[in-house]
Protein backbone atom coordinates (compact mmCIF):
# COMPACT_ATOMS: atom_id res chain seq x y z
CA MET A 1 -7.29 8.20 -13.51
CA ALA A 2 -7.67 11.14 -11.16
CA GLU A 3 -6.47 9.19 -8.12
CA PHE A 4 -3.00 8.90 -9.71
CA LYS A 5 -2.65 12.52 -10.76
CA PRO A 6 0.22 14.24 -8.87
CA VAL A 7 -0.48 17.42 -6.90
CA LEU A 8 2.54 19.71 -6.55
CA LEU A 9 3.13 21.68 -3.34
CA SER A 10 6.10 24.02 -3.02
CA LEU A 11 7.54 26.91 -1.10
CA GLN A 12 7.73 30.08 -3.14
CA SER A 13 11.38 30.74 -3.92
CA SER A 14 13.61 32.07 -6.65
CA PHE A 15 16.10 29.28 -5.90
CA THR A 16 16.16 25.78 -7.29
CA PRO A 17 14.59 23.56 -4.62
CA SER A 18 16.98 21.21 -2.88
CA LEU A 19 14.38 18.93 -1.29
CA ALA A 20 11.12 17.57 -2.57
CA LEU A 21 8.63 14.97 -1.35
CA GLU A 22 6.05 12.95 -3.24
CA VAL A 23 3.27 11.38 -1.24
CA CYS A 24 0.50 9.15 -2.66
CA SER A 25 -3.17 8.83 -1.82
CA ARG A 26 -3.19 7.20 -5.23
CA GLN A 27 -3.17 10.77 -6.19
CA PRO A 28 0.48 11.75 -5.81
CA GLN A 29 0.96 15.16 -4.35
CA ILE A 30 4.32 16.74 -4.68
CA VAL A 31 5.42 18.86 -1.76
CA LEU A 32 8.39 21.06 -2.56
CA ALA A 33 10.60 22.68 0.04
CA GLU A 34 12.93 25.59 -0.61
CA LEU A 35 16.55 24.48 -0.61
CA MET A 36 15.50 21.09 0.59
CA HIS A 37 13.04 18.63 -0.89
CA LEU A 38 10.20 17.75 -3.19
CA VAL A 39 7.65 15.46 -1.60
CA GLN A 40 5.11 13.48 -3.59
CA ILE A 41 2.27 11.92 -1.58
CA LEU A 42 -0.37 9.51 -2.80
CA PRO A 43 -3.72 9.56 -0.99
CA HIS A 44 -3.60 5.78 -1.50
CA GLY A 45 -2.41 4.85 2.00
CA LEU A 46 -0.92 8.36 2.38
CA THR A 47 2.11 6.90 0.62
CA LEU A 48 5.43 8.71 0.37
CA HIS A 49 6.21 8.23 -3.31
CA ARG A 50 9.26 10.48 -3.67
CA ILE A 51 11.51 12.60 -1.47
CA ILE A 52 13.86 14.46 -3.78
CA VAL A 53 16.95 16.10 -2.26
CA GLN A 54 19.17 18.38 -4.31
CA ALA A 55 22.57 19.13 -2.80
CA ASP A 56 26.03 19.92 -4.12
CA GLY A 57 24.85 19.73 -7.73
CA ARG A 58 23.40 16.24 -7.33
CA THR A 59 19.82 15.02 -7.15
CA HIS A 60 18.77 12.19 -4.81
CA ASP A 61 15.49 10.36 -4.25
CA VAL A 62 15.83 8.98 -0.72
CA VAL A 63 12.84 6.59 -0.81
CA ILE A 64 12.53 3.41 -2.88
CA GLY A 65 9.42 2.30 -4.70
CA PRO A 66 7.88 1.94 -8.16
CA GLU A 67 8.43 4.58 -10.83
CA LEU A 68 4.71 4.99 -11.54
CA PRO A 69 2.30 5.90 -8.71
CA LYS A 70 -0.30 3.41 -9.96
CA ASP A 71 2.16 0.54 -9.43
CA HIS A 72 1.75 0.93 -5.66
CA VAL A 73 -1.42 -1.12 -6.14
CA SER A 74 0.67 -4.21 -6.90
CA GLN A 75 3.91 -3.20 -5.11
CA LYS A 76 1.98 -2.94 -1.84
CA TYR A 77 2.93 -1.47 1.55
CA THR A 78 5.92 0.46 0.17
CA ASN A 79 6.08 3.72 2.19
CA SER A 80 2.36 3.70 2.99
CA ILE A 81 1.47 5.37 6.29
CA VAL A 82 -2.27 5.23 6.91
CA GLY A 83 -4.45 2.13 7.13
CA ARG A 84 -6.77 0.58 9.66
CA TYR A 85 -3.84 -1.05 11.47
CA SER A 86 -0.10 -0.98 10.65
CA ASN A 87 0.98 -3.64 13.09
CA ARG A 88 1.48 -7.41 13.36
CA ILE A 89 -1.69 -9.20 14.56
CA PRO A 90 -2.42 -12.94 14.64
CA VAL A 91 -5.11 -13.87 12.10
CA GLY A 92 -8.42 -14.69 13.76
CA THR A 93 -11.15 -13.21 15.98
CA HIS A 94 -10.09 -10.90 18.84
CA ILE A 95 -12.14 -9.44 21.70
CA LEU A 96 -11.46 -5.74 22.33
CA GLU A 97 -12.12 -3.91 25.60
CA ARG A 98 -11.22 -0.43 26.79
CA HIS A 99 -12.73 1.39 29.78
CA GLY A 100 -15.60 -1.10 29.87
CA ILE A 101 -16.47 -0.78 26.18
CA LYS A 102 -16.29 -4.14 24.39
CA SER A 103 -16.16 -5.12 20.75
CA GLU A 104 -14.57 -7.72 18.51
CA PHE A 105 -12.92 -7.92 15.12
CA VAL A 106 -11.59 -10.53 12.73
CA ALA A 107 -7.94 -9.97 11.75
CA GLN A 108 -7.43 -10.77 8.07
CA ALA A 109 -4.29 -12.17 6.47
CA ASN A 110 -3.96 -9.29 3.99
CA GLY A 111 -5.13 -5.73 4.55
CA ASP A 112 -5.35 -2.86 2.08
CA GLU A 113 -4.04 0.67 2.19
CA ALA A 114 -6.76 3.20 2.92
CA GLU A 115 -7.97 5.69 0.31
CA LEU A 116 -7.73 9.23 1.70
CA SER A 117 -9.42 12.30 0.28
CA HIS A 118 -7.30 15.37 -0.45
CA LEU A 119 -9.23 18.00 1.49
CA SER A 120 -7.23 21.11 0.70
CA SER A 121 -3.90 22.77 0.06
CA PRO A 122 -4.47 26.27 1.49
CA THR A 123 -0.90 27.21 0.55
CA THR A 124 1.66 25.48 -1.63
CA ASP A 125 3.75 24.07 1.23
CA HIS A 126 1.30 21.66 2.86
CA ALA A 127 -1.70 19.45 2.23
CA ILE A 128 -4.53 18.12 4.40
CA PHE A 129 -6.11 14.70 3.91
CA ARG A 130 -9.12 12.92 5.41
CA LEU A 131 -10.16 9.29 5.72
CA ILE A 132 -13.62 8.07 6.74
CA SER A 133 -13.36 4.34 7.37
CA PRO A 134 -16.80 2.74 7.80
CA ASP A 135 -17.71 0.33 10.57
CA GLY A 136 -16.55 -3.17 9.65
CA ASN A 137 -13.89 -2.04 7.16
CA GLN A 138 -11.37 -4.93 6.84
CA GLY A 139 -12.98 -6.49 9.90
CA PHE A 140 -12.41 -3.53 12.28
CA PRO A 141 -15.28 -2.18 14.38
CA GLY A 142 -16.36 1.46 14.58
CA LYS A 143 -16.58 4.28 12.06
CA LEU A 144 -13.16 5.97 12.13
CA ILE A 145 -12.50 9.56 11.05
CA LEU A 146 -8.85 10.47 10.42
CA GLU A 147 -7.21 13.72 9.30
CA ALA A 148 -3.56 14.08 8.30
CA LEU A 149 -1.34 17.08 7.61
CA VAL A 150 1.80 16.80 5.48
CA ALA A 151 4.02 19.89 5.41
CA ILE A 152 7.44 20.97 4.21
CA ILE A 153 9.27 23.60 6.23
CA GLY A 154 12.14 25.75 5.02
CA PRO A 155 15.41 25.66 6.99
CA GLY A 156 15.49 29.28 8.14
CA LYS A 157 18.49 31.54 7.67
CA GLN A 158 22.00 30.14 7.84
CA GLU A 159 25.38 31.16 6.49
CA ARG A 160 26.68 28.65 3.97
CA LYS A 161 30.39 28.41 3.26
CA TYR A 162 31.33 25.90 0.60
CA ARG A 163 34.77 24.38 0.33
CA THR A 164 37.20 25.68 -2.27
CA THR A 165 40.10 24.09 -4.14
CA THR A 166 42.48 25.35 -1.45
CA ASP A 167 40.71 23.47 1.36
CA ILE A 168 42.19 20.26 2.72
CA PRO A 169 40.39 17.38 0.90
CA GLN A 170 39.95 15.34 4.07
CA ALA A 171 38.58 18.25 6.11
CA VAL A 172 35.08 17.68 7.47
CA GLY A 173 32.79 20.40 6.20
CA PRO A 174 29.95 21.97 8.17
CA GLU A 175 26.49 20.41 8.17
CA TYR A 176 23.65 22.47 6.73
CA ASP A 177 19.90 22.20 7.28
CA LEU A 178 17.99 21.73 4.04
CA GLY A 179 14.53 21.81 5.62
CA SER A 180 12.05 19.47 7.27
CA ILE A 181 9.11 17.20 6.47
CA VAL A 182 6.31 16.93 9.02
CA LEU A 183 3.53 14.37 9.15
CA THR A 184 0.92 14.70 11.85
CA TYR A 185 -2.40 12.93 12.01
CA ARG A 186 -5.29 12.55 14.38
CA ALA A 187 -8.10 10.04 14.54
CA LYS A 188 -11.39 9.70 16.40
CA LEU A 189 -14.35 7.37 16.35
CA ASP A 190 -17.48 8.88 14.96
CA GLU A 191 -20.32 9.01 17.51
CA GLU A 192 -21.79 6.26 15.64
CA LYS A 193 16.49 5.08 18.30
CA LYS A 194 17.52 5.97 21.01
CA SER A 195 16.68 2.51 22.02
CA ASP A 196 18.29 -0.25 24.01
CA ARG A 197 15.45 -2.79 23.87
CA ILE A 198 13.96 -4.85 21.06
CA ALA A 199 10.78 -6.88 20.97
CA GLU A 200 11.28 -10.63 21.33
CA LEU A 201 9.60 -12.57 18.53
CA GLY A 202 8.52 -16.19 18.52
CA PRO A 203 9.16 -18.75 15.75
CA ASP A 204 6.18 -17.36 13.79
CA ALA A 205 7.57 -13.76 14.02
CA LEU A 206 4.73 -12.75 16.35
CA PRO A 207 5.61 -10.89 19.59
CA THR A 208 6.05 -12.84 22.83
CA GLY A 209 5.41 -9.72 24.96
CA ALA A 210 8.98 -9.60 26.29
CA PHE A 211 11.84 -7.28 25.36
CA LEU A 212 15.53 -8.07 24.95
CA LEU A 213 18.42 -5.77 25.89
CA ALA A 214 20.27 -4.69 22.75
CA LYS A 215 23.65 -4.87 24.51
CA ASP A 216 23.23 -8.65 24.65
CA HIS A 217 22.55 -8.68 20.90
CA PRO A 218 25.29 -6.56 19.22
CA SER A 219 23.62 -6.54 15.80
CA HIS A 220 20.79 -4.51 17.38
CA ALA A 221 23.02 -1.96 19.18
CA HIS A 222 22.66 0.72 16.49
CA SER A 223 24.35 3.70 18.14
CA ALA A 224 26.87 4.97 15.53
CA LYS A 225 26.84 1.51 13.85
CA ARG A 226 26.56 1.13 10.10
CA ILE A 227 23.48 -0.87 9.24
CA GLY A 228 25.56 -3.36 7.25
CA ASP A 229 27.92 -4.07 10.16
CA LEU A 230 26.97 -7.24 12.10
CA PHE A 231 24.03 -7.60 9.72
CA PRO A 232 21.74 -10.45 10.89
CA GLU A 233 21.41 -13.46 8.61
CA LYS A 234 17.68 -12.78 8.18
CA GLY A 235 18.04 -9.00 8.04
CA TYR A 236 16.17 -6.57 10.29
CA ASP A 237 12.44 -6.82 10.90
CA ASP A 238 12.34 -5.69 14.54
CA PHE A 239 10.54 -3.35 16.92
CA TYR A 240 12.70 -1.07 19.12
CA LEU A 241 11.52 0.73 22.24
CA LEU A 242 12.39 4.43 22.22
CA GLN A 243 13.86 6.38 25.12
CA ASN A 244 12.08 9.65 24.47
CA PRO A 245 10.94 11.30 27.73
CA GLY A 246 10.52 14.77 26.22
CA SER A 247 7.57 13.63 24.14
CA SER A 248 5.22 14.06 27.12
CA GLN A 249 4.72 17.61 25.77
CA PHE A 250 2.95 16.03 22.80
CA PRO A 251 0.41 13.46 24.05
CA THR A 252 -0.69 10.71 21.69
CA ARG A 253 -4.13 10.39 23.27
CA LEU A 254 -6.40 13.23 24.43
CA PRO A 255 -9.94 13.37 25.84
CA LEU A 256 -12.22 15.30 23.49
CA SER A 257 -13.29 17.38 26.48
CA SER A 258 -9.78 18.91 26.64
CA PHE A 259 -10.20 20.80 23.37
CA ASN A 260 -10.39 24.59 23.60
CA SER A 261 -9.13 27.64 21.70
CA LYS A 262 -5.76 27.58 23.51
CA LEU A 263 -4.85 24.00 22.63
CA ASP A 264 -2.15 23.96 19.92
CA LEU A 265 -0.60 20.59 19.08
CA ILE A 266 1.40 21.59 16.01
CA LYS A 267 3.03 24.99 16.76
CA ASP A 268 6.44 23.59 17.71
CA ILE A 269 6.54 20.81 15.15
CA ILE A 270 6.12 23.11 12.15
CA GLN A 271 8.71 25.74 13.02
CA PRO A 272 11.98 25.92 11.03
CA SER A 273 14.93 23.93 12.32
CA ASN A 274 16.89 27.13 12.95
CA ASP A 275 16.03 30.77 13.71
CA GLU A 276 16.93 33.97 11.87
CA GLN A 277 20.35 33.97 13.56
CA GLY A 278 21.02 30.42 12.33
CA LYS A 279 20.70 28.88 15.80
CA PRO A 280 18.90 25.52 16.16
CA THR A 281 15.28 25.75 17.30
CA ARG A 282 13.20 22.90 18.73
CA GLY A 283 10.62 24.52 21.01
CA ASN A 284 9.22 21.72 23.19
CA ARG A 285 9.91 19.02 20.62
CA PRO A 286 11.71 15.96 22.02
CA GLU A 287 15.25 15.12 21.01
CA PRO A 288 15.79 13.04 17.82
CA VAL A 289 15.31 9.30 18.15
CA VAL A 290 16.65 8.05 14.79
CA GLU A 291 19.37 9.33 12.45
CA LEU A 292 20.14 7.92 9.00
CA SER A 293 23.24 9.26 7.28
CA SER A 294 25.27 8.51 4.15
CA GLU A 295 28.98 9.19 3.84
CA LYS A 296 28.64 8.90 0.06
CA SER A 297 25.94 11.54 -0.48
CA GLY A 298 26.50 13.69 2.62
CA ILE A 299 22.75 13.56 3.35
CA LYS A 300 21.43 12.92 6.86
CA LEU A 301 17.80 12.31 7.88
CA VAL A 302 17.00 13.11 11.53
CA PHE A 303 13.66 11.95 12.98
CA ASP A 304 11.77 13.04 16.08
CA THR A 305 8.31 11.94 17.21
CA ASN A 306 5.94 11.92 20.17
CA ARG A 307 6.57 8.25 20.85
CA THR A 308 7.88 7.53 24.37
CA SER A 309 8.58 4.75 26.86
CA GLN A 310 8.65 4.61 30.66
CA PRO A 311 10.04 1.51 32.43
CA SER A 312 8.02 -0.04 35.20
CA ILE A 313 9.06 -3.61 36.06
CA LEU A 314 12.57 -5.01 35.54
CA GLN A 315 12.75 -8.73 34.86
CA PRO A 316 15.82 -10.92 35.43
CA ARG A 317 18.83 -10.51 33.12
CA THR A 318 17.91 -9.61 29.56
CA ARG A 319 14.22 -8.69 29.60
CA ILE A 320 12.30 -5.59 30.61
CA THR A 321 8.58 -4.92 30.81
CA PHE A 322 7.08 -1.47 30.14
CA GLU A 323 3.83 0.21 31.08
CA THR A 324 4.01 2.74 28.28
CA GLU A 325 5.70 1.20 25.29
CA ARG A 326 6.17 3.11 22.08
CA GLY A 327 8.88 2.88 19.53
CA VAL A 328 9.90 2.22 15.97
CA MET A 329 9.73 -0.78 13.67
CA PHE A 330 12.89 -1.19 11.56
CA TYR A 331 12.70 -3.28 8.39
CA SER A 332 15.69 -3.67 6.04
CA ASN A 333 13.67 -4.73 2.98
CA THR A 334 14.61 -8.31 3.80
CA PHE A 335 12.07 -9.82 1.42
CA GLY A 336 12.93 -7.51 -1.47
CA ASN A 337 13.12 -9.43 -4.76
CA PRO A 338 14.64 -7.97 -7.97
CA ALA A 339 12.20 -10.07 -10.00
CA SER A 340 9.16 -8.46 -8.37
CA GLY A 341 8.02 -4.85 -8.59
CA ALA A 342 9.92 -1.94 -10.11
CA ARG A 343 13.01 0.14 -9.35
CA LYS A 344 12.91 3.90 -9.94
CA LYS A 345 14.95 5.25 -12.85
CA ILE A 346 16.82 7.62 -10.55
CA HIS A 347 18.06 4.53 -8.66
CA GLY A 348 19.35 2.88 -11.83
CA GLY A 349 16.25 0.84 -12.67
CA SER A 350 14.03 0.70 -15.71
CA GLY A 351 10.94 1.84 -13.82
CA ILE A 352 9.07 -1.12 -15.31
CA SER A 353 7.30 -3.53 -12.97
CA GLY A 354 8.43 -7.14 -13.37
CA HIS A 355 11.46 -6.17 -15.49
CA GLY A 356 13.88 -8.04 -13.19
CA ASP A 357 15.74 -4.97 -11.92
CA SER A 358 13.69 -4.11 -8.82
CA TYR A 359 15.06 -3.67 -5.30
CA GLY A 360 16.67 -6.72 -3.70
CA SER A 361 17.13 -7.62 -0.05
CA ALA A 362 18.86 -5.11 2.26
CA THR A 363 18.45 -2.19 -0.15
CA ALA A 364 16.45 0.18 2.04
CA VAL A 365 15.42 1.17 5.57
CA PHE A 366 11.73 1.29 6.49
CA LEU A 367 10.74 2.97 9.77
CA GLU A 368 7.29 2.75 11.40
CA PHE A 369 6.74 4.80 14.58
CA HIS A 370 4.02 3.18 16.69
CA GLU A 371 3.15 1.17 19.78
CA PRO A 372 4.58 -2.36 20.17
CA LEU A 373 3.33 -5.18 18.01
CA ALA A 374 -0.26 -6.21 18.77
CA ALA A 375 -0.21 -4.07 21.94
CA PHE A 376 -3.91 -4.59 22.67
CA LEU A 377 -3.32 -8.35 23.13
CA ASP A 378 -0.99 -7.74 26.11
CA PRO A 379 -3.01 -7.50 29.38
CA LYS A 380 -0.58 -5.01 30.92
CA ASN A 381 -1.59 -2.43 28.28
CA LYS A 382 -5.29 -2.59 29.18
CA ASN A 383 -6.83 0.90 29.25
CA GLY A 384 -3.38 2.33 28.49
CA ASP A 385 -1.43 2.53 25.24
CA ASP A 386 -3.25 -0.41 23.71
CA THR A 387 -3.73 1.17 20.22
CA LEU A 388 -7.49 1.28 20.85
CA ILE A 389 -9.57 4.47 21.10
CA THR A 390 -13.10 5.09 22.33
CA ASN A 391 -15.55 7.69 21.05
CA ASP A 392 -14.57 10.22 23.74
CA GLU A 393 -10.86 10.21 22.79
CA LEU A 394 -8.63 11.63 20.05
CA TYR A 395 -5.47 9.92 18.83
CA HIS A 396 -2.64 12.31 17.90
CA ASN A 397 0.72 11.32 16.43
CA TYR A 398 3.49 13.18 14.66
CA VAL A 399 6.76 12.31 12.97
CA ARG A 400 9.18 14.97 11.76
CA CYS A 401 12.20 14.44 9.50
CA ASP A 402 14.89 17.13 9.34
CA VAL A 403 17.05 16.85 6.22
CA ARG A 404 20.69 17.90 6.56
CA PHE A 405 23.69 17.95 4.26
CA LYS A 406 27.44 18.38 4.38
CA GLU A 407 29.87 18.37 1.48
CA VAL A 408 31.66 15.13 0.70
CA ASP A 409 34.64 14.35 -1.48
CA VAL A 410 33.58 12.96 -4.84
CA ALA A 411 35.91 10.32 -6.27
CA GLU A 412 37.50 11.25 -9.55
């Protein structure tokens, strides 16, 4: 089936790639970055199927999921990015209103990943996708047009000095940039962790609209904390507000009337992570908001995004209300079940769905960068960041992941 056929994207290089990404639109596309990663993307939900990192003679796939791209149909919502709504909404009929425009939709218990079309790959280091979601799709009103860019960026020049047998075994080696993965997407209606607050959830796991201070809940104070330390009994399935003031340079919502030949929303987010002299380069990009690192592999993933939050009204003791609330959803694969789905061969599995060796609970970290849960249901978000758009607006979001590596001691 053509929708499951991988498409390979790569940077031209005489070196063995050290990073690769596979993304699915049901049609896996492999994006390969020089000295960094191979990325395979499926147009089915714009799903990240593989991110392969090669470092220090070892090969790593840093995302979990089924071995075969087609198994994403049954092993649903694993690394998928694009759908009509990736948030937690109560099932039932909801009235929508923004700037005087009213509509309604019926939230369904189970949604489906969207099927994107692979528009083009003008060069081998990036791919462009499009989704046209018709009015009424999965109960949502309005014909939605979405375009997404997935790109891999080389790390730029840097001097690499590897440890020798004469080096002190315990010495901490330097950290090297292996490259970056960028996802940016925009949507419009057709004319037709740096965080100290978490969303409070009710007994049914739906948001109450309030936020709790992480310092009063040590398991959620993630600064320099291993995920397994103070691990909650039910695992993590929580939304965290991000402190990310620099992201005002990259708005998430723009009036269509603001578009002109000088507007460039991606220049800074697609530049290498260091310049020709090896110095870090960020342009106007905000500081990182999430870092994931492994002492065992030496690999670190550093995320930045144009999500932001600005406090407005302080409530007594442990709660805070925000006017502009954006952040990240953190899920620790709490409901993972070895009996269901498949585990990739590179992770020690058979690759066979239902073979009994799939991923169990607390085996992975899932991150979703978006507005708070069901933001449009909270009256204080009306006409603001309510996750709704009208036909005179454009939604723009980006997430960038810089991949870094430092040598680690390998046990004999």
